[in-house]
C-alpha atoms as a PDB file:
ATOM      1  CA  PRO A   1       9.749-110.201  88.542  1.00  0.00           C
ATOM      2  CA  GLN A   2      11.839-107.461  86.904  1.00  0.00           C
ATOM      3  CA  ASN A   3      12.799-105.712  90.133  1.00  0.00           C
ATOM      4  CA  GLU A   4      13.457-109.039  91.841  1.00  0.00           C
ATOM      5  CA  HIS A   5      15.932-109.749  89.082  1.00  0.00           C
ATOM      6  CA  ILE A   6      17.576-106.366  89.570  1.00  0.00           C
ATOM      7  CA  GLU A   7      17.818-106.887  93.336  1.00  0.00           C
ATOM      8  CA  GLU A   8      19.453-110.251  92.735  1.00  0.00           C
ATOM      9  CA  HIS A   9      21.858-108.569  90.336  1.00  0.00           C
ATOM     10  CA  ILE A  10      22.777-105.865  92.846  1.00  0.00           C
ATOM     11  CA  LYS A  11      23.261-108.490  95.544  1.00  0.00           C
ATOM     12  CA  ARG A  12      25.636-110.347  93.271  1.00  0.00           C
ATOM     13  CA  HIS A  13      27.606-107.462  91.781  1.00  0.00           C
ATOM     14  CA  GLY A  14      26.972-104.638  94.228  1.00  0.00           C
ATOM     15  CA  ARG A  15      26.074-101.057  93.393  1.00  0.00           C
ATOM     16  CA  ARG A  16      29.588-100.402  92.121  1.00  0.00           C
ATOM     17  CA  PHE A  17      28.845-102.392  88.981  1.00  0.00           C
ATOM     18  CA  ASP A  18      25.566-100.559  88.602  1.00  0.00           C
ATOM     19  CA  HIS A  19      27.319 -97.215  88.717  1.00  0.00           C
ATOM     20  CA  GLU A  20      30.026 -98.262  86.264  1.00  0.00           C
ATOM     21  CA  GLU A  21      27.435 -99.600  83.856  1.00  0.00           C
ATOM     22  CA  ARG A  22      25.470 -96.381  84.071  1.00  0.00           C
ATOM     23  CA  THR A  23      28.561 -94.265  83.438  1.00  0.00           C
ATOM     24  CA  ARG A  24      29.510 -96.446  80.476  1.00  0.00           C
ATOM     25  CA  LYS A  25      26.053 -96.136  78.987  1.00  0.00           C
ATOM     26  CA  ARG A  26      26.043 -92.393  79.502  1.00  0.00           C
ATOM     27  CA  GLN A  27      29.324 -92.121  77.621  1.00  0.00           C
ATOM     28  CA  ALA A  28      28.013 -94.335  74.853  1.00  0.00           C
ATOM     29  CA  ARG A  29      24.937 -92.128  74.455  1.00  0.00           C
ATOM     30  CA  GLN A  30      27.033 -88.959  74.374  1.00  0.00           C
ATOM     31  CA  ALA A  31      27.847 -89.388  70.668  1.00  0.00           C
ATOM     32  CA  HIS A  32      24.147 -89.386  69.796  1.00  0.00           C
ATOM     33  CA  LYS A  33      23.555 -86.284  71.916  1.00  0.00           C
ATOM     34  CA  ASP A  34      26.442 -84.485  70.218  1.00  0.00           C
ATOM     35  CA  SER A  35      25.170 -85.458  66.806  1.00  0.00           C
ATOM     36  CA  GLN A  36      21.651 -84.200  67.556  1.00  0.00           C
ATOM     37  CA  PHE A  37      23.062 -80.952  68.871  1.00  0.00           C
ATOM     38  CA  ALA A  38      25.252 -80.546  65.782  1.00  0.00           C
ATOM     39  CA  GLN A  39      22.227 -80.992  63.525  1.00  0.00           C
ATOM     40  CA  LYS A  40      20.063 -78.500  65.412  1.00  0.00           C
ATOM     41  CA  VAL A  41      22.572 -75.758  66.173  1.00  0.00           C
ATOM     42  CA  HIS A  42      22.820 -72.779  63.776  1.00  0.00           C
ATOM     43  CA  GLY A  43      24.362 -69.370  63.405  1.00  0.00           C
ATOM     44  CA  LEU A  44      27.510 -68.317  65.215  1.00  0.00           C
ATOM     45  CA  LYS A  45      27.081 -71.052  67.797  1.00  0.00           C
ATOM     46  CA  ALA A  46      27.274 -73.639  65.020  1.00  0.00           C
ATOM     47  CA  LYS A  47      30.463 -72.114  63.656  1.00  0.00           C
ATOM     48  CA  LEU A  48      32.118 -72.215  67.062  1.00  0.00           C
ATOM     49  CA  TYR A  49      30.883 -75.726  67.778  1.00  0.00           C
ATOM     50  CA  ASN A  50      32.093 -77.075  64.448  1.00  0.00           C
ATOM     51  CA  LYS A  51      35.465 -75.418  64.901  1.00  0.00           C
ATOM     52  CA  LYS A  52      35.865 -77.042  68.316  1.00  0.00           C
ATOM     53  CA  ARG A  53      34.774 -80.423  66.974  1.00  0.00           C
ATOM     54  CA  HIS A  54      37.172 -80.075  64.029  1.00  0.00           C
ATOM     55  CA  ALA A  55      40.073 -79.395  66.384  1.00  0.00           C
ATOM     56  CA  GLU A  56      39.148 -82.416  68.504  1.00  0.00           C
ATOM     57  CA  LYS A  57      39.028 -84.687  65.453  1.00  0.00           C
ATOM     58  CA  ILE A  58      42.419 -83.475  64.232  1.00  0.00           C
ATOM     59  CA  GLN A  59      43.869 -84.085  67.667  1.00  0.00           C
ATOM     60  CA  MET A  60      42.430 -87.610  67.752  1.00  0.00           C
ATOM     61  CA  LYS A  61      43.792 -88.362  64.279  1.00  0.00           C
ATOM     62  CA  LYS A  62      47.221 -87.062  65.238  1.00  0.00           C
ATOM     63  CA  THR A  63      47.297 -89.206  68.358  1.00  0.00           C
ATOM     64  CA  ILE A  64      46.282 -92.273  66.396  1.00  0.00           C
ATOM     65  CA  LYS A  65      48.877 -91.545  63.734  1.00  0.00           C
ATOM     66  CA  GLN A  66      51.572 -91.166  66.364  1.00  0.00           C
ATOM     67  CA  HIS A  67      50.753 -94.518  67.819  1.00  0.00           C
ATOM     68  CA  GLU A  68      50.669 -96.236  64.481  1.00  0.00           C
ATOM     69  CA  GLU A  69      54.206 -95.318  63.591  1.00  0.00           C
ATOM     70  CA  LYS A  70      55.702 -98.738  63.930  1.00  0.00           C
ATOM     71  CA  ASN A  71      59.315 -97.949  63.014  1.00  0.00           C
ATOM     72  CA  ALA A  72      60.470 -94.540  64.014  1.00  0.00           C
ATOM     73  CA  LYS A  73      63.978 -93.481  63.110  1.00  0.00           C
ATOM     74  CA  GLN A  74      65.811 -91.765  65.886  1.00  0.00           C
ATOM     75  CA  LYS A  75      69.161 -90.055  65.642  1.00  0.00           C
ATOM     76  CA  SER A  76      71.587 -91.392  68.187  1.00  0.00           C
ATOM     77  CA  ALA A  77      74.203 -88.861  69.237  1.00  0.00           C
ATOM     78  CA  ASP A  78      77.017 -91.228  70.090  1.00  0.00           C
ATOM     79  CA  ALA A  79      77.134 -92.984  66.750  1.00  0.00           C
ATOM     80  CA  VAL A  80      78.732 -90.102  64.820  1.00  0.00           C
ATOM     81  CA  PRO A  81      81.708 -91.560  62.972  1.00  0.00           C
ATOM     82  CA  GLU A  82      85.077 -89.806  62.921  1.00  0.00           C
ATOM     83  CA  GLY A  83      86.558 -88.528  59.700  1.00  0.00           C
ATOM     84  CA  ALA A  84      84.951 -87.991  56.337  1.00  0.00           C
ATOM     85  CA  VAL A  85      81.980 -90.146  55.376  1.00  0.00           C
ATOM     86  CA  PRO A  86      80.697 -90.561  51.806  1.00  0.00           C
ATOM     87  CA  ALA A  87      77.430 -88.719  51.160  1.00  0.00           C
ATOM     88  CA  TYR A  88      75.393 -91.868  50.652  1.00  0.00           C
ATOM     89  CA  LEU A  89      76.294 -93.074  54.138  1.00  0.00           C
ATOM     90  CA  LEU A  90      75.473 -89.820  55.868  1.00  0.00           C
ATOM     91  CA  ASP A  91      71.874 -90.751  56.504  1.00  0.00           C
ATOM     92  CA  ARG A  92      72.597 -94.313  57.323  1.00  0.00           C
ATOM     93  CA  GLU A  93      74.822 -93.884  60.341  1.00  0.00           C
ATOM     94  CA  GLY A  94      73.745 -92.338  63.569  1.00  0.00           C
ATOM     95  CA  GLN A  95      70.246 -93.701  63.467  1.00  0.00           C
ATOM     96  CA  ASP A  96      68.388 -96.208  65.528  1.00  0.00           C
ATOM     97  CA  ARG A  97      65.232 -97.814  64.322  1.00  0.00           C
ATOM     98  CA  ALA A  98      63.059 -97.771  67.373  1.00  0.00           C
ATOM     99  CA  LYS A  99      59.774 -99.599  67.599  1.00  0.00           C
ATOM    100  CA  ILE A 100      57.191 -97.173  68.853  1.00  0.00           C
ATOM    101  CA  LEU A 101      53.919 -98.892  69.348  1.00  0.00           C
ATOM    102  CA  SER A 102      51.686 -97.842  72.162  1.00  0.00           C
ATOM    103  CA  ASN A 103      48.962-100.349  72.537  1.00  0.00           C
ATOM    104  CA  MET A 104      47.023 -98.295  75.001  1.00  0.00           C
ATOM    105  CA  VAL A 105      45.500 -95.795  72.592  1.00  0.00           C
ATOM    106  CA  LYS A 106      44.745 -98.559  70.117  1.00  0.00           C
ATOM    107  CA  GLN A 107      43.112-100.546  72.870  1.00  0.00           C
ATOM    108  CA  LYS A 108      41.053 -97.538  73.927  1.00  0.00           C
ATOM    109  CA  ARG A 109      39.993 -97.009  70.346  1.00  0.00           C
ATOM    110  CA  LYS A 110      38.945-100.605  70.014  1.00  0.00           C
ATOM    111  CA  GLU A 111      37.019-100.442  73.258  1.00  0.00           C
ATOM    112  CA  LYS A 112      35.239 -97.328  72.077  1.00  0.00           C
ATOM    113  CA  ALA A 113      34.038 -99.218  69.053  1.00  0.00           C
ATOM    114  CA  GLY A 114      33.405-102.148  71.354  1.00  0.00           C
ATOM    115  CA  LYS A 115      34.070-104.702  68.660  1.00  0.00           C
ATOM    116  CA  TRP A 116      35.723-108.049  69.275  1.00  0.00           C
ATOM    117  CA  SER A 117      36.957-110.032  66.347  1.00  0.00           C
ATOM    118  CA  VAL A 118      34.966-113.180  66.887  1.00  0.00           C
ATOM    119  CA  PRO A 119      35.164-116.502  65.023  1.00  0.00           C
ATOM    120  CA  LEU A 120      31.493-116.217  63.978  1.00  0.00           C
ATOM    121  CA  PRO A 121      30.740-112.570  63.213  1.00  0.00           C
ATOM    122  CA  ALA A 122      27.322-113.177  61.599  1.00  0.00           C
ATOM    123  CA  VAL A 123      24.590-115.194  63.265  1.00  0.00           C
ATOM    124  CA  ARG A 124      21.308-116.467  61.892  1.00  0.00           C
ATOM    125  CA  GLY A 125      18.420-114.523  63.402  1.00  0.00           C
ATOM    126  CA  MET A 126      15.831-116.493  65.337  1.00  0.00           C
ATOM    127  CA  ALA A 127      12.161-115.728  65.642  1.00  0.00           C
ATOM    128  CA  GLU A 128      10.567-115.684  69.068  1.00  0.00           C
ATOM    129  CA  ASP A 129       8.403-118.714  68.350  1.00  0.00           C
ATOM    130  CA  GLU A 130      11.523-120.756  67.611  1.00  0.00           C
ATOM    131  CA  MET A 131      13.071-119.757  70.917  1.00  0.00           C
ATOM    132  CA  PHE A 132       9.964-120.125  73.092  1.00  0.00           C
ATOM    133  CA  LYS A 133       7.127-122.611  73.205  1.00  0.00           C
ATOM    134  CA  VAL A 134       3.862-121.298  74.606  1.00  0.00           C
ATOM    135  CA  VAL A 135       2.735-123.247  77.671  1.00  0.00           C
ATOM    136  CA  LYS A 136      -1.008-122.990  78.194  1.00  0.00           C
ATOM    137  CA  THR A 137      -2.015-122.804  81.852  1.00  0.00           C
ATOM    138  CA  GLY A 138      -5.109-122.241  83.942  1.00  0.00           C
ATOM    139  CA  LYS A 139      -8.077-124.463  84.619  1.00  0.00           C
ATOM    140  CA  SER A 140      -9.389-124.391  81.072  1.00  0.00           C
ATOM    141  CA  LYS A 141      -5.907-123.919  79.533  1.00  0.00           C
ATOM    142  CA  SER A 142      -6.884-120.436  78.441  1.00  0.00           C
ATOM    143  CA  LYS A 143      -3.916-118.489  79.858  1.00  0.00           C
ATOM    144  CA  ALA A 144      -0.939-118.319  77.528  1.00  0.00           C
ATOM    145  CA  TRP A 145       1.600-116.127  79.281  1.00  0.00           C
ATOM    146  CA  LYS A 146       4.027-118.871  80.242  1.00  0.00           C
ATOM    147  CA  ARG A 147       6.934-119.735  77.948  1.00  0.00           C
ATOM    148  CA  MET A 148       9.123-122.801  77.718  1.00  0.00           C
ATOM    149  CA  ILE A 149      12.614-122.151  76.351  1.00  0.00           C
ATOM    150  CA  THR A 150      13.491-124.619  73.585  1.00  0.00           C
ATOM    151  CA  LYS A 151      17.207-123.853  73.487  1.00  0.00           C
ATOM    152  CA  ALA A 152      20.156-124.759  75.695  1.00  0.00           C
ATOM    153  CA  THR A 153      20.390-122.552  78.778  1.00  0.00           C
ATOM    154  CA  PHE A 154      22.779-121.820  81.609  1.00  0.00           C
ATOM    155  CA  VAL A 155      21.682-121.045  85.149  1.00  0.00           C
ATOM    156  CA  GLY A 156      24.044-120.122  87.959  1.00  0.00           C
ATOM    157  CA  ASP A 157      24.878-122.246  90.974  1.00  0.00           C
ATOM    158  CA  GLY A 158      22.764-120.467  93.567  1.00  0.00           C
ATOM    159  CA  PHE A 159      19.690-120.498  91.334  1.00  0.00           C
ATOM    160  CA  THR A 160      16.294-121.500  92.709  1.00  0.00           C
ATOM    161  CA  ARG A 161      13.177-121.544  90.597  1.00  0.00           C
ATOM    162  CA  LYS A 162      10.240-119.337  91.306  1.00  0.00           C
ATOM    163  CA  PRO A 163       7.058-121.125  92.350  1.00  0.00           C
ATOM    164  CA  PRO A 164       5.479-122.612  89.178  1.00  0.00           C
ATOM    165  CA  LYS A 165       2.536-120.241  89.538  1.00  0.00           C
ATOM    166  CA  TYR A 166       4.747-117.182  89.049  1.00  0.00           C
ATOM    167  CA  GLU A 167       7.348-118.605  86.722  1.00  0.00           C
ATOM    168  CA  ARG A 168       7.257-116.816  83.392  1.00  0.00           C
ATOM    169  CA  PHE A 169      10.125-118.569  81.595  1.00  0.00           C
ATOM    170  CA  VAL A 170      10.671-122.277  82.142  1.00  0.00           C
ATOM    171  CA  ARG A 171      14.202-123.494  81.486  1.00  0.00           C
ATOM    172  CA  PRO A 172      13.942-127.292  81.117  1.00  0.00           C
ATOM    173  CA  MET A 173      16.388-129.259  83.263  1.00  0.00           C
ATOM    174  CA  ALA A 174      17.422-131.415  80.309  1.00  0.00           C
ATOM    175  CA  MET A 175      18.589-128.371  78.349  1.00  0.00           C
ATOM    176  CA  ARG A 176      20.677-126.799  81.107  1.00  0.00           C
ATOM    177  CA  TYR A 177      24.428-126.871  80.764  1.00  0.00           C
ATOM    178  CA  LYS A 178      27.227-126.246  83.244  1.00  0.00           C
ATOM    179  CA  LYS A 179      30.241-127.138  81.075  1.00  0.00           C
ATOM    180  CA  ALA A 180      31.440-126.230  77.605  1.00  0.00           C
ATOM    181  CA  HIS A 181      34.041-127.787  75.312  1.00  0.00           C
ATOM    182  CA  VAL A 182      36.334-124.855  74.663  1.00  0.00           C
ATOM    183  CA  THR A 183      38.964-124.943  71.936  1.00  0.00           C
ATOM    184  CA  HIS A 184      42.062-122.827  72.379  1.00  0.00           C
ATOM    185  CA  PRO A 185      42.825-121.630  68.821  1.00  0.00           C
ATOM    186  CA  GLU A 186      46.588-121.283  69.335  1.00  0.00           C
ATOM    187  CA  LEU A 187      47.168-124.433  71.359  1.00  0.00           C
ATOM    188  CA  LYS A 188      44.847-126.390  69.008  1.00  0.00           C
ATOM    189  CA  ALA A 189      43.535-128.191  72.078  1.00  0.00           C
ATOM    190  CA  THR A 190      40.083-128.542  73.568  1.00  0.00           C
ATOM    191  CA  PHE A 191      39.259-128.387  77.263  1.00  0.00           C
ATOM    192  CA  GLN A 192      36.058-129.010  79.143  1.00  0.00           C
ATOM    193  CA  LEU A 193      35.587-125.886  81.210  1.00  0.00           C
ATOM    194  CA  PRO A 194      32.849-124.757  83.601  1.00  0.00           C
ATOM    195  CA  ILE A 195      30.678-121.903  82.353  1.00  0.00           C
ATOM    196  CA  ILE A 196      30.648-118.788  84.563  1.00  0.00           C
ATOM    197  CA  GLY A 197      27.900-116.937  82.727  1.00  0.00           C
ATOM    198  CA  VAL A 198      26.412-115.829  79.423  1.00  0.00           C
ATOM    199  CA  LYS A 199      28.118-112.592  78.423  1.00  0.00           C
ATOM    200  CA  LYS A 200      26.098-111.789  75.321  1.00  0.00           C
ATOM    201  CA  ASN A 201      23.571-113.573  73.193  1.00  0.00           C
ATOM    202  CA  PRO A 202      23.468-111.675  69.885  1.00  0.00           C
ATOM    203  CA  GLN A 203      19.792-112.586  69.359  1.00  0.00           C
ATOM    204  CA  SER A 204      18.543-110.192  72.039  1.00  0.00           C
ATOM    205  CA  PRO A 205      19.343-108.823  75.512  1.00  0.00           C
ATOM    206  CA  LEU A 206      16.426-110.815  76.938  1.00  0.00           C
ATOM    207  CA  TYR A 207      18.093-114.084  75.989  1.00  0.00           C
ATOM    208  CA  THR A 208      21.364-112.883  77.508  1.00  0.00           C
ATOM    209  CA  GLN A 209      19.487-112.216  80.718  1.00  0.00           C
ATOM    210  CA  LEU A 210      17.780-115.602  80.646  1.00  0.00           C
ATOM    211  CA  GLY A 211      21.081-117.345  79.910  1.00  0.00           C
ATOM    212  CA  VAL A 212      19.960-118.851  76.607  1.00  0.00           C
ATOM    213  CA  ILE A 213      22.859-120.356  74.639  1.00  0.00           C
ATOM    214  CA  THR A 214      22.586-120.444  70.851  1.00  0.00           C
ATOM    215  CA  LYS A 215      25.141-120.490  68.069  1.00  0.00           C
ATOM    216  CA  GLY A 216      27.298-117.349  68.233  1.00  0.00           C
ATOM    217  CA  THR A 217      26.659-116.635  71.918  1.00  0.00           C
ATOM    218  CA  VAL A 218      29.640-115.309  73.881  1.00  0.00           C
ATOM    219  CA  LEU A 219      30.103-117.187  77.167  1.00  0.00           C
ATOM    220  CA  GLU A 220      32.395-116.490  80.062  1.00  0.00           C
ATOM    221  CA  VAL A 221      34.261-119.671  80.967  1.00  0.00           C
ATOM    222  CA  ASN A 222      36.480-120.560  83.897  1.00  0.00           C
ATOM    223  CA  VAL A 223      40.005-121.003  82.497  1.00  0.00           C
ATOM    224  CA  SER A 224      41.801-121.355  85.845  1.00  0.00           C
ATOM    225  CA  GLU A 225      42.864-124.939  85.061  1.00  0.00           C
ATOM    226  CA  LEU A 226      44.527-123.839  81.819  1.00  0.00           C
ATOM    227  CA  GLY A 227      46.973-121.837  83.920  1.00  0.00           C
ATOM    228  CA  LEU A 228      46.898-118.730  81.738  1.00  0.00           C
ATOM    229  CA  VAL A 229      48.597-115.719  83.311  1.00  0.00           C
ATOM    230  CA  THR A 230      48.414-111.997  82.659  1.00  0.00           C
ATOM    231  CA  THR A 231      51.492-109.859  82.040  1.00  0.00           C
ATOM    232  CA  GLY A 232      51.457-109.020  85.747  1.00  0.00           C
ATOM    233  CA  GLY A 233      51.721-112.720  86.594  1.00  0.00           C
ATOM    234  CA  LYS A 234      48.205-113.075  87.979  1.00  0.00           C
ATOM    235  CA  VAL A 235      46.285-116.203  87.026  1.00  0.00           C
ATOM    236  CA  VAL A 236      43.447-115.481  84.604  1.00  0.00           C
ATOM    237  CA  TRP A 237      40.197-116.770  86.002  1.00  0.00           C
ATOM    238  CA  GLY A 238      37.529-116.026  83.433  1.00  0.00           C
ATOM    239  CA  LYS A 239      37.770-115.606  79.675  1.00  0.00           C
ATOM    240  CA  TYR A 240      35.246-115.206  76.906  1.00  0.00           C
ATOM    241  CA  ALA A 241      34.481-117.917  74.365  1.00  0.00           C
ATOM    242  CA  GLN A 242      32.071-117.978  71.436  1.00  0.00           C
ATOM    243  CA  VAL A 243      29.759-120.918  70.811  1.00  0.00           C
ATOM    244  CA  THR A 244      30.325-122.444  67.369  1.00  0.00           C
ATOM    245  CA  ASN A 245      27.729-125.224  67.220  1.00  0.00           C
ATOM    246  CA  ASN A 246      23.987-125.530  67.738  1.00  0.00           C
ATOM    247  CA  PRO A 247      23.857-126.836  71.322  1.00  0.00           C
ATOM    248  CA  GLU A 248      20.129-127.626  71.148  1.00  0.00           C
ATOM    249  CA  ASN A 249      20.815-130.135  68.345  1.00  0.00           C
ATOM    250  CA  ASP A 250      24.128-131.563  69.527  1.00  0.00           C
ATOM    251  CA  GLY A 251      23.607-132.040  73.249  1.00  0.00           C
ATOM    252  CA  CYS A 252      26.910-130.325  74.034  1.00  0.00           C
ATOM    253  CA  ILE A 253      28.392-126.862  73.773  1.00  0.00           C
ATOM    254  CA  ASN A 254      31.434-126.324  71.555  1.00  0.00           C
ATOM    255  CA  ALA A 255      33.121-122.943  71.763  1.00  0.00           C
ATOM    256  CA  VAL A 256      36.267-121.140  70.631  1.00  0.00           C
ATOM    257  CA  LEU A 257      38.263-119.103  73.136  1.00  0.00           C
ATOM    258  CA  LEU A 258      38.570-115.420  72.227  1.00  0.00           C
ATOM    259  CA  VAL A 259      42.230-114.526  72.612  1.00  0.00           C
END
């Protein structure tokens, strides 16, 4: 089943996505590799390595500092007054307060940390037996490898079930959802939007893969009818939203748009 899933994934997103994902993961692992190397290395090599690392860190800090200077004073040449000026006004003239704020480096830094500020940062952990119910199968009901998911789930449009004999995870029809009630925090309005997919379920990657929706899950929703546009004037199609209720108890999905 695993490789079938992967094939499906490649069909849907193409190898390009696969490559990007791999590159991203490689970069993410790099920090661990560096750290291991730094702990093992000794002698002259260590000195050189640490010096290089030190220089890099300083450079990074400088860049960050540069981009955090919100108000930078700049001398403007043309604003030099004629005649004598009292000493206390010398500094005041001939200066523009310019706003220097490059979002790009900040953005990059945020992405490196990979943290979103989400409405619900902490989520109650769930044990496996709460998420899955064991379905006994076989002639004498002795096989127990099949699981029924007890939470709300999302399955895509082109989804067909595997034959019951090979189906490992059963997602009950009654607990499947296509729409979510998404609240826009700034507009203070709620819209019923179609779900595109489950971006991340904080409980575990397996649940993300299965499309299980619990409290705190980040969904991708279709916001085309809200008419949001990017700075370039393109219509935004998908946006992330975090689930704020327990869908399995409420029979609906309430979420807050991450803006």
